[in-house]
PDB file of N, CA and C in Angstrom:
ATOM      1  N   MET A   1    -104.787  -5.061   6.324  1.00  0.00           N
ATOM      2  CA  MET A   1    -103.755  -4.673   6.463  1.00  0.00           C
ATOM      3  C   MET A   1    -103.278  -4.144   5.521  1.00  0.00           C
ATOM      4  N   THR A   2    -102.327  -3.363   6.337  1.00  0.00           N
ATOM      5  CA  THR A   2    -101.311  -2.356   4.682  1.00  0.00           C
ATOM      6  C   THR A   2    -100.356  -2.599   4.504  1.00  0.00           C
ATOM      7  N   THR A   3    -100.423  -2.118   3.237  1.00  0.00           N
ATOM      8  CA  THR A   3     -98.580  -2.443   2.713  1.00  0.00           C
ATOM      9  C   THR A   3     -97.937  -0.916   3.277  1.00  0.00           C
ATOM     10  N   PRO A   4     -96.437  -1.697   2.916  1.00  0.00           N
ATOM     11  CA  PRO A   4     -95.491  -0.951   2.717  1.00  0.00           C
ATOM     12  C   PRO A   4     -95.756   0.336   2.691  1.00  0.00           C
ATOM     13  N   ALA A   5     -95.936  -0.369   1.773  1.00  0.00           N
ATOM     14  CA  ALA A   5     -96.043   1.468   0.116  1.00  0.00           C
ATOM     15  C   ALA A   5     -97.501   2.373   0.647  1.00  0.00           C
ATOM     16  N   GLU A   6     -98.305   1.807   1.619  1.00  0.00           N
ATOM     17  CA  GLU A   6     -99.560   3.069   2.062  1.00  0.00           C
ATOM     18  C   GLU A   6     -98.534   3.093   3.553  1.00  0.00           C
ATOM     19  N   GLY A   7     -98.083   2.745   4.075  1.00  0.00           N
ATOM     20  CA  GLY A   7     -98.000   3.349   5.164  1.00  0.00           C
ATOM     21  C   GLY A   7     -96.788   4.466   4.865  1.00  0.00           C
ATOM     22  N   GLU A   8     -96.223   4.371   4.213  1.00  0.00           N
ATOM     23  CA  GLU A   8     -95.441   5.370   3.718  1.00  0.00           C
ATOM     24  C   GLU A   8     -96.448   6.466   3.026  1.00  0.00           C
ATOM     25  N   ARG A   9     -96.815   6.077   1.571  1.00  0.00           N
ATOM     26  CA  ARG A   9     -98.033   7.560   1.684  1.00  0.00           C
ATOM     27  C   ARG A   9     -98.250   7.760   2.781  1.00  0.00           C
ATOM     28  N   THR A  10     -98.977   7.298   3.900  1.00  0.00           N
ATOM     29  CA  THR A  10     -99.793   7.732   4.871  1.00  0.00           C
ATOM     30  C   THR A  10     -98.735   9.182   6.180  1.00  0.00           C
ATOM     31  N   ARG A  11     -97.254   8.435   5.934  1.00  0.00           N
ATOM     32  CA  ARG A  11     -96.488   9.147   6.532  1.00  0.00           C
ATOM     33  C   ARG A  11     -96.207   9.952   6.158  1.00  0.00           C
ATOM     34  N   LYS A  12     -95.748  10.552   4.278  1.00  0.00           N
ATOM     35  CA  LYS A  12     -95.352  11.382   3.659  1.00  0.00           C
ATOM     36  C   LYS A  12     -96.868  12.605   3.453  1.00  0.00           C
ATOM     37  N   ASP A  13     -98.138  11.730   3.820  1.00  0.00           N
ATOM     38  CA  ASP A  13     -99.262  12.893   3.579  1.00  0.00           C
ATOM     39  C   ASP A  13     -99.464  13.522   5.459  1.00  0.00           C
ATOM     40  N   ALA A  14     -98.834  12.786   6.154  1.00  0.00           N
ATOM     41  CA  ALA A  14     -98.893  13.726   7.608  1.00  0.00           C
ATOM     42  C   ALA A  14     -97.657  14.342   7.758  1.00  0.00           C
ATOM     43  N   ARG A  15     -96.851  14.553   6.851  1.00  0.00           N
ATOM     44  CA  ARG A  15     -96.033  15.384   6.598  1.00  0.00           C
ATOM     45  C   ARG A  15     -96.189  16.425   6.303  1.00  0.00           C
ATOM     46  N   TRP A  16     -97.203  16.378   5.397  1.00  0.00           N
ATOM     47  CA  TRP A  16     -96.992  17.436   4.526  1.00  0.00           C
ATOM     48  C   TRP A  16     -98.143  18.364   4.883  1.00  0.00           C
ATOM     49  N   ALA A  17     -99.283  17.769   5.665  1.00  0.00           N
ATOM     50  CA  ALA A  17    -100.028  18.630   6.547  1.00  0.00           C
ATOM     51  C   ALA A  17     -99.175  19.150   8.056  1.00  0.00           C
ATOM     52  N   ALA A  18     -98.639  18.534   8.408  1.00  0.00           N
ATOM     53  CA  ALA A  18     -97.770  19.059   9.224  1.00  0.00           C
ATOM     54  C   ALA A  18     -97.071  20.507   8.522  1.00  0.00           C
ATOM     55  N   TYR A  19     -96.440  20.563   7.652  1.00  0.00           N
ATOM     56  CA  TYR A  19     -95.707  21.152   6.855  1.00  0.00           C
ATOM     57  C   TYR A  19     -97.089  22.814   6.876  1.00  0.00           C
ATOM     58  N   GLN A  20     -97.498  21.965   5.820  1.00  0.00           N
ATOM     59  CA  GLN A  20     -98.809  22.844   5.253  1.00  0.00           C
ATOM     60  C   GLN A  20     -99.337  24.027   6.775  1.00  0.00           C
ATOM     61  N   ALA A  21     -99.677  23.281   7.653  1.00  0.00           N
ATOM     62  CA  ALA A  21    -100.302  24.066   8.826  1.00  0.00           C
ATOM     63  C   ALA A  21     -99.137  24.355   9.265  1.00  0.00           C
ATOM     64  N   ARG A  22     -97.977  24.826   9.428  1.00  0.00           N
ATOM     65  CA  ARG A  22     -96.327  25.871   9.784  1.00  0.00           C
ATOM     66  C   ARG A  22     -96.329  26.889   8.845  1.00  0.00           C
ATOM     67  N   SER A  23     -97.013  26.689   7.294  1.00  0.00           N
ATOM     68  CA  SER A  23     -96.337  27.691   6.520  1.00  0.00           C
ATOM     69  C   SER A  23     -97.934  28.640   6.358  1.00  0.00           C
ATOM     70  N   ARG A  24     -99.538  28.481   6.957  1.00  0.00           N
ATOM     71  CA  ARG A  24    -100.084  29.053   7.709  1.00  0.00           C
ATOM     72  C   ARG A  24    -100.004  29.985   8.662  1.00  0.00           C
ATOM     73  N   ARG A  25     -98.899  29.020   9.376  1.00  0.00           N
ATOM     74  CA  ARG A  25     -98.712  29.771  10.954  1.00  0.00           C
ATOM     75  C   ARG A  25     -97.968  31.163  10.345  1.00  0.00           C
ATOM     76  N   SER A  26     -97.183  30.777   9.477  1.00  0.00           N
ATOM     77  CA  SER A  26     -96.155  31.649   9.491  1.00  0.00           C
ATOM     78  C   SER A  26     -96.923  32.630   8.359  1.00  0.00           C
ATOM     79  N   ALA A  27     -97.570  32.336   7.135  1.00  0.00           N
ATOM     80  CA  ALA A  27     -98.436  33.804   7.008  1.00  0.00           C
ATOM     81  C   ALA A  27     -99.288  34.387   7.279  1.00  0.00           C
ATOM     82  N   GLN A  28     -99.810  33.771   8.756  1.00  0.00           N
ATOM     83  CA  GLN A  28    -100.730  34.489   9.316  1.00  0.00           C
ATOM     84  C   GLN A  28    -100.015  35.455  10.314  1.00  0.00           C
ATOM     85  N   LYS A  29     -98.848  34.896  10.652  1.00  0.00           N
ATOM     86  CA  LYS A  29     -98.376  36.123  11.636  1.00  0.00           C
ATOM     87  C   LYS A  29     -97.521  37.254  11.122  1.00  0.00           C
ATOM     88  N   PHE A  30     -97.329  36.959   9.403  1.00  0.00           N
ATOM     89  CA  PHE A  30     -97.289  37.695   8.404  1.00  0.00           C
ATOM     90  C   PHE A  30     -98.082  39.249   8.442  1.00  0.00           C
ATOM     91  N   GLN A  31     -99.282  38.555   8.339  1.00  0.00           N
ATOM     92  CA  GLN A  31    -100.244  39.163   8.295  1.00  0.00           C
ATOM     93  C   GLN A  31    -100.825  39.806   9.031  1.00  0.00           C
ATOM     94  N   LEU A  32    -100.388  39.323  10.766  1.00  0.00           N
ATOM     95  CA  LEU A  32    -100.140  40.231  12.100  1.00  0.00           C
ATOM     96  C   LEU A  32     -99.707  41.282  12.164  1.00  0.00           C
ATOM     97  N   ALA A  33     -98.678  41.345  11.338  1.00  0.00           N
ATOM     98  CA  ALA A  33     -97.133  42.084  11.043  1.00  0.00           C
ATOM     99  C   ALA A  33     -97.364  43.494  11.056  1.00  0.00           C
ATOM    100  N   LEU A  34     -98.393  42.910   9.577  1.00  0.00           N
ATOM    101  CA  LEU A  34     -98.653  44.340   8.912  1.00  0.00           C
ATOM    102  C   LEU A  34     -99.807  45.519   9.661  1.00  0.00           C
ATOM    103  N   ILE A  35    -100.580  44.883  10.265  1.00  0.00           N
ATOM    104  CA  ILE A  35    -101.429  46.076  11.189  1.00  0.00           C
ATOM    105  C   ILE A  35    -100.573  46.788  11.769  1.00  0.00           C
ATOM    106  N   PRO A  36    -100.111  46.999  12.355  1.00  0.00           N
ATOM    107  CA  PRO A  36     -98.769  48.166  13.061  1.00  0.00           C
ATOM    108  C   PRO A  36     -98.632  48.936  12.201  1.00  0.00           C
ATOM    109  N   LEU A  37     -98.528  48.529  11.061  1.00  0.00           N
ATOM    110  CA  LEU A  37     -97.738  48.839   9.978  1.00  0.00           C
ATOM    111  C   LEU A  37     -98.613  50.118   9.627  1.00  0.00           C
ATOM    112  N   TRP A  38     -99.704  49.061   9.053  1.00  0.00           N
ATOM    113  CA  TRP A  38    -101.039  50.085   8.710  1.00  0.00           C
ATOM    114  C   TRP A  38    -101.737  51.339   9.454  1.00  0.00           C
ATOM    115  N   THR A  39    -101.081  51.266  10.624  1.00  0.00           N
ATOM    116  CA  THR A  39    -101.331  51.880  11.948  1.00  0.00           C
ATOM    117  C   THR A  39    -100.793  52.852  12.077  1.00  0.00           C
ATOM    118  N   VAL A  40     -99.843  52.741  12.025  1.00  0.00           N
ATOM    119  CA  VAL A  40     -98.385  54.118  11.804  1.00  0.00           C
ATOM    120  C   VAL A  40     -98.783  54.899  10.512  1.00  0.00           C
ATOM    121  N   MET A  41     -98.983  53.753   9.453  1.00  0.00           N
ATOM    122  CA  MET A  41     -98.915  54.662   8.015  1.00  0.00           C
ATOM    123  C   MET A  41    -100.320  55.705   7.646  1.00  0.00           C
ATOM    124  N   ALA A  42    -101.098  55.062   8.881  1.00  0.00           N
ATOM    125  CA  ALA A  42    -102.608  55.908   9.104  1.00  0.00           C
ATOM    126  C   ALA A  42    -102.077  56.986   9.904  1.00  0.00           C
ATOM    127  N   ALA A  43    -101.468  57.070  11.178  1.00  0.00           N
ATOM    128  CA  ALA A  43    -101.116  58.263  12.272  1.00  0.00           C
ATOM    129  C   ALA A  43    -100.279  58.788  11.348  1.00  0.00           C
ATOM    130  N   PHE A  44     -99.143  59.087  10.476  1.00  0.00           N
ATOM    131  CA  PHE A  44     -98.392  59.436   9.937  1.00  0.00           C
ATOM    132  C   PHE A  44     -99.215  60.520   9.090  1.00  0.00           C
ATOM    133  N   TRP A  45    -100.522  59.980   7.985  1.00  0.00           N
ATOM    134  CA  TRP A  45    -100.848  61.095   7.442  1.00  0.00           C
ATOM    135  C   TRP A  45    -102.374  61.646   8.071  1.00  0.00           C
ATOM    136  N   TRP A  46    -102.546  61.390   9.343  1.00  0.00           N
ATOM    137  CA  TRP A  46    -103.437  62.132   9.947  1.00  0.00           C
ATOM    138  C   TRP A  46    -102.307  63.303  10.589  1.00  0.00           C
ATOM    139  N   PHE A  47    -101.396  63.403  11.153  1.00  0.00           N
ATOM    140  CA  PHE A  47    -100.760  64.386  11.453  1.00  0.00           C
ATOM    141  C   PHE A  47     -99.718  64.856  10.586  1.00  0.00           C
ATOM    142  N   ASP A  48     -99.878  64.656   8.787  1.00  0.00           N
ATOM    143  CA  ASP A  48     -99.191  65.413   7.973  1.00  0.00           C
ATOM    144  C   ASP A  48     -99.882  66.746   7.937  1.00  0.00           C
ATOM    145  N   ALA A  49     -99.341  67.659   8.029  1.00  0.00           N
ATOM    146  CA  ALA A  49    -100.281  68.821   7.744  1.00  0.00           C
ATOM    147  C   ALA A  49    -100.899  69.835   6.384  1.00  0.00           C
ATOM    148  N   GLU A  50    -100.223  68.546   5.495  1.00  0.00           N
ATOM    149  CA  GLU A  50    -100.046  68.746   3.822  1.00  0.00           C
ATOM    150  C   GLU A  50    -100.552  67.506   3.073  1.00  0.00           C
ATOM    151  N   ALA A  51    -101.982  67.066   4.192  1.00  0.00           N
ATOM    152  CA  ALA A  51    -101.883  65.058   3.822  1.00  0.00           C
ATOM    153  C   ALA A  51    -103.620  66.148   3.235  1.00  0.00           C
ATOM    154  N   GLN A  52    -103.999  65.424   2.008  1.00  0.00           N
ATOM    155  CA  GLN A  52    -105.706  65.616   1.757  1.00  0.00           C
ATOM    156  C   GLN A  52    -106.403  65.023   2.579  1.00  0.00           C
ATOM    157  N   PRO A  53    -107.910  65.153   3.070  1.00  0.00           N
ATOM    158  CA  PRO A  53    -108.429  64.398   3.640  1.00  0.00           C
ATOM    159  C   PRO A  53    -108.803  63.178   2.731  1.00  0.00           C
ATOM    160  N   VAL A  54    -108.713  63.234   1.367  1.00  0.00           N
ATOM    161  CA  VAL A  54    -108.899  62.099   1.001  1.00  0.00           C
ATOM    162  C   VAL A  54    -107.852  60.441   1.374  1.00  0.00           C
ATOM    163  N   VAL A  55    -106.533  60.897   1.626  1.00  0.00           N
ATOM    164  CA  VAL A  55    -105.560  60.604   2.390  1.00  0.00           C
ATOM    165  C   VAL A  55    -105.590  59.626   2.912  1.00  0.00           C
ATOM    166  N   ARG A  56    -106.068  60.930   4.414  1.00  0.00           N
ATOM    167  CA  ARG A  56    -106.085  60.474   5.501  1.00  0.00           C
ATOM    168  C   ARG A  56    -107.436  59.307   5.857  1.00  0.00           C
ATOM    169  N   TRP A  57    -108.175  59.559   4.910  1.00  0.00           N
ATOM    170  CA  TRP A  57    -109.807  58.911   5.090  1.00  0.00           C
ATOM    171  C   TRP A  57    -109.315  57.193   4.465  1.00  0.00           C
ATOM    172  N   LEU A  58    -108.517  57.279   3.810  1.00  0.00           N
ATOM    173  CA  LEU A  58    -108.006  56.207   2.703  1.00  0.00           C
ATOM    174  C   LEU A  58    -107.417  55.050   4.140  1.00  0.00           C
ATOM    175  N   PHE A  59    -105.913  55.639   4.424  1.00  0.00           N
ATOM    176  CA  PHE A  59    -105.017  54.864   4.833  1.00  0.00           C
ATOM    177  C   PHE A  59    -105.595  54.743   6.711  1.00  0.00           C
ATOM    178  N   THR A  60    -107.176  55.058   7.087  1.00  0.00           N
ATOM    179  CA  THR A  60    -107.729  55.204   8.460  1.00  0.00           C
ATOM    180  C   THR A  60    -108.327  53.924   8.354  1.00  0.00           C
ATOM    181  N   ALA A  61    -108.876  54.243   7.045  1.00  0.00           N
ATOM    182  CA  ALA A  61    -109.813  52.383   6.775  1.00  0.00           C
ATOM    183  C   ALA A  61    -109.757  51.535   5.786  1.00  0.00           C
ATOM    184  N   VAL A  62    -108.570  51.116   5.648  1.00  0.00           N
ATOM    185  CA  VAL A  62    -107.286  50.294   5.257  1.00  0.00           C
ATOM    186  C   VAL A  62    -106.897  49.668   6.640  1.00  0.00           C
ATOM    187  N   ALA A  63    -106.448  50.567   7.299  1.00  0.00           N
ATOM    188  CA  ALA A  63    -105.854  49.918   8.983  1.00  0.00           C
ATOM    189  C   ALA A  63    -106.899  49.540   9.654  1.00  0.00           C
ATOM    190  N   VAL A  64    -108.105  50.331  10.029  1.00  0.00           N
ATOM    191  CA  VAL A  64    -109.311  49.474  10.162  1.00  0.00           C
ATOM    192  C   VAL A  64    -109.491  48.221  10.104  1.00  0.00           C
ATOM    193  N   LEU A  65    -109.551  48.246   8.170  1.00  0.00           N
ATOM    194  CA  LEU A  65    -110.108  46.589   7.432  1.00  0.00           C
ATOM    195  C   LEU A  65    -109.032  45.961   8.208  1.00  0.00           C
ATOM    196  N   TRP A  66    -107.576  46.376   8.363  1.00  0.00           N
ATOM    197  CA  TRP A  66    -106.697  45.440   8.698  1.00  0.00           C
ATOM    198  C   TRP A  66    -106.519  44.677  10.148  1.00  0.00           C
ATOM    199  N   PHE A  67    -107.075  45.980  10.553  1.00  0.00           N
ATOM    200  CA  PHE A  67    -107.218  45.453  12.136  1.00  0.00           C
ATOM    201  C   PHE A  67    -108.252  44.133  12.250  1.00  0.00           C
ATOM    202  N   GLY A  68    -109.466  44.597  11.561  1.00  0.00           N
ATOM    203  CA  GLY A  68    -110.531  43.940  11.726  1.00  0.00           C
ATOM    204  C   GLY A  68    -110.511  42.372  11.632  1.00  0.00           C
ATOM    205  N   ALA A  69    -109.625  42.554  10.210  1.00  0.00           N
ATOM    206  CA  ALA A  69    -109.321  41.186   9.707  1.00  0.00           C
ATOM    207  C   ALA A  69    -108.482  40.108  10.241  1.00  0.00           C
ATOM    208  N   GLY A  70    -107.836  40.894  11.471  1.00  0.00           N
ATOM    209  CA  GLY A  70    -106.382  40.665  12.009  1.00  0.00           C
ATOM    210  C   GLY A  70    -106.879  39.451  13.310  1.00  0.00           C
ATOM    211  N   VAL A  71    -108.511  39.064  13.311  1.00  0.00           N
ATOM    212  CA  VAL A  71    -109.420  38.822  14.474  1.00  0.00           C
ATOM    213  C   VAL A  71    -108.819  37.506  13.423  1.00  0.00           C
ATOM    214  N   VAL A  72    -108.822  36.786  12.708  1.00  0.00           N
ATOM    215  CA  VAL A  72    -109.018  35.512  11.838  1.00  0.00           C
ATOM    216  C   VAL A  72    -107.137  35.151  12.123  1.00  0.00           C
ATOM    217  N   PRO A  73    -106.177  35.488  11.801  1.00  0.00           N
ATOM    218  CA  PRO A  73    -105.168  34.734  12.302  1.00  0.00           C
ATOM    219  C   PRO A  73    -105.185  34.746  13.460  1.00  0.00           C
ATOM    220  N   TRP A  74    -105.422  35.783  14.046  1.00  0.00           N
ATOM    221  CA  TRP A  74    -105.107  35.929  15.461  1.00  0.00           C
ATOM    222  C   TRP A  74    -106.110  35.027  16.171  1.00  0.00           C
ATOM    223  N   ARG A  75    -107.276  34.367  15.880  1.00  0.00           N
ATOM    224  CA  ARG A  75    -107.767  32.813  16.622  1.00  0.00           C
ATOM    225  C   ARG A  75    -107.303  32.122  16.317  1.00  0.00           C
ATOM    226  N   GLU A  76    -106.465  31.851  14.991  1.00  0.00           N
ATOM    227  CA  GLU A  76    -105.830  30.499  14.382  1.00  0.00           C
ATOM    228  C   GLU A  76    -104.758  30.220  14.809  1.00  0.00           C
ATOM    229  N   ILE A  77    -104.071  31.197  14.783  1.00  0.00           N
ATOM    230  CA  ILE A  77    -102.681  31.678  15.877  1.00  0.00           C
ATOM    231  C   ILE A  77    -102.816  30.587  16.675  1.00  0.00           C
ATOM    232  N   ARG A  78    -103.914  31.109  18.178  1.00  0.00           N
ATOM    233  CA  ARG A  78    -103.822  30.299  19.241  1.00  0.00           C
ATOM    234  C   ARG A  78    -104.496  29.270  19.555  1.00  0.00           C
ATOM    235  N   LYS A  79    -104.751  29.153  18.238  1.00  0.00           N
ATOM    236  CA  LYS A  79    -105.407  27.322  18.088  1.00  0.00           C
ATOM    237  C   LYS A  79    -103.424  26.294  18.044  1.00  0.00           C
ATOM    238  N   PRO A  80    -102.963  25.504  18.862  1.00  0.00           N
ATOM    239  CA  PRO A  80    -102.377  24.280  18.956  1.00  0.00           C
ATOM    240  C   PRO A  80    -102.165  23.917  17.372  1.00  0.00           C
ATOM    241  N   LEU A  81    -100.964  23.915  17.249  1.00  0.00           N
ATOM    242  CA  LEU A  81    -100.145  23.561  16.136  1.00  0.00           C
ATOM    243  C   LEU A  81    -100.482  21.578  16.433  1.00  0.00           C
ATOM    244  N   PRO A  82    -100.728  20.782  15.265  1.00  0.00           N
ATOM    245  CA  PRO A  82    -100.809  19.186  15.400  1.00  0.00           C
ATOM    246  C   PRO A  82     -99.033  19.434  15.160  1.00  0.00           C
ATOM    247  N   PRO A  83     -98.665  17.782  16.321  1.00  0.00           N
ATOM    248  CA  PRO A  83     -96.798  17.427  16.670  1.00  0.00           C
ATOM    249  C   PRO A  83     -97.147  17.167  14.936  1.00  0.00           C
ATOM    250  N   TYR A  84     -95.240  16.716  14.909  1.00  0.00           N
ATOM    251  CA  TYR A  84     -94.934  16.622  13.441  1.00  0.00           C
ATOM    252  C   TYR A  84     -94.837  14.966  13.635  1.00  0.00           C
ATOM    253  N   PRO A  85     -95.568  14.478  12.599  1.00  0.00           N
ATOM    254  CA  PRO A  85     -95.052  13.165  12.545  1.00  0.00           C
ATOM    255  C   PRO A  85     -93.960  12.326  12.647  1.00  0.00           C
ATOM    256  N   GLY A  86     -94.182  11.742  14.081  1.00  0.00           N
ATOM    257  CA  GLY A  86     -92.760  11.075  13.798  1.00  0.00           C
ATOM    258  C   GLY A  86     -91.454  11.985  15.017  1.00  0.00           C
ATOM    259  N   LYS A  87     -92.308  13.046  15.529  1.00  0.00           N
ATOM    260  CA  LYS A  87     -92.155  13.473  16.284  1.00  0.00           C
ATOM    261  C   LYS A  87     -92.439  13.125  17.859  1.00  0.00           C
ATOM    262  N   GLU A  88     -91.395  13.133  18.865  1.00  0.00           N
ATOM    263  CA  GLU A  88     -92.384  12.863  20.530  1.00  0.00           C
ATOM    264  C   GLU A  88     -92.251  14.403  21.197  1.00  0.00           C
ATOM    265  N   GLU A  89     -93.341  14.590  21.429  1.00  0.00           N
ATOM    266  CA  GLU A  89     -93.803  16.691  21.541  1.00  0.00           C
ATOM    267  C   GLU A  89     -93.994  15.944  23.367  1.00  0.00           C
ATOM    268  N   ALA A  90     -93.180  16.599  23.858  1.00  0.00           N
ATOM    269  CA  ALA A  90     -93.075  16.976  25.729  1.00  0.00           C
ATOM    270  C   ALA A  90     -94.275  17.129  25.723  1.00  0.00           C
ATOM    271  N   PRO A  91     -94.776  16.641  27.066  1.00  0.00           N
ATOM    272  CA  PRO A  91     -96.294  16.470  27.453  1.00  0.00           C
ATOM    273  C   PRO A  91     -96.319  18.452  27.725  1.00  0.00           C
ATOM    274  N   GLY A  92     -97.750  18.497  27.705  1.00  0.00           N
ATOM    275  CA  GLY A  92     -98.194  20.115  27.678  1.00  0.00           C
ATOM    276  C   GLY A  92     -97.457  21.014  26.609  1.00  0.00           C
ATOM    277  N   ARG A  93     -96.891  20.341  25.391  1.00  0.00           N
ATOM    278  CA  ARG A  93     -96.894  21.312  24.332  1.00  0.00           C
ATOM    279  C   ARG A  93     -97.915  21.753  23.287  1.00  0.00           C
TER     280      ARG A  93
END
């Protein structure tokens, strides 16, 4: 049998885990938002007539790396979040 203190601790832990999941989701969305930025910057340097080849390839490599690394946050964002503890979720959400 659980004591009231243990039950409260369990609820706090569940709320903290839900908060952490939402926080990670926000960070992943921010990382995905940077992919178009790096892509535009790489395109800018390719169309700049005065840019050095090293700069062009450097920004292209960064854009490609961000695009490749964006697969992981994209897959994580596609997973549904667990419902917030104590909140009734509508079916199918």
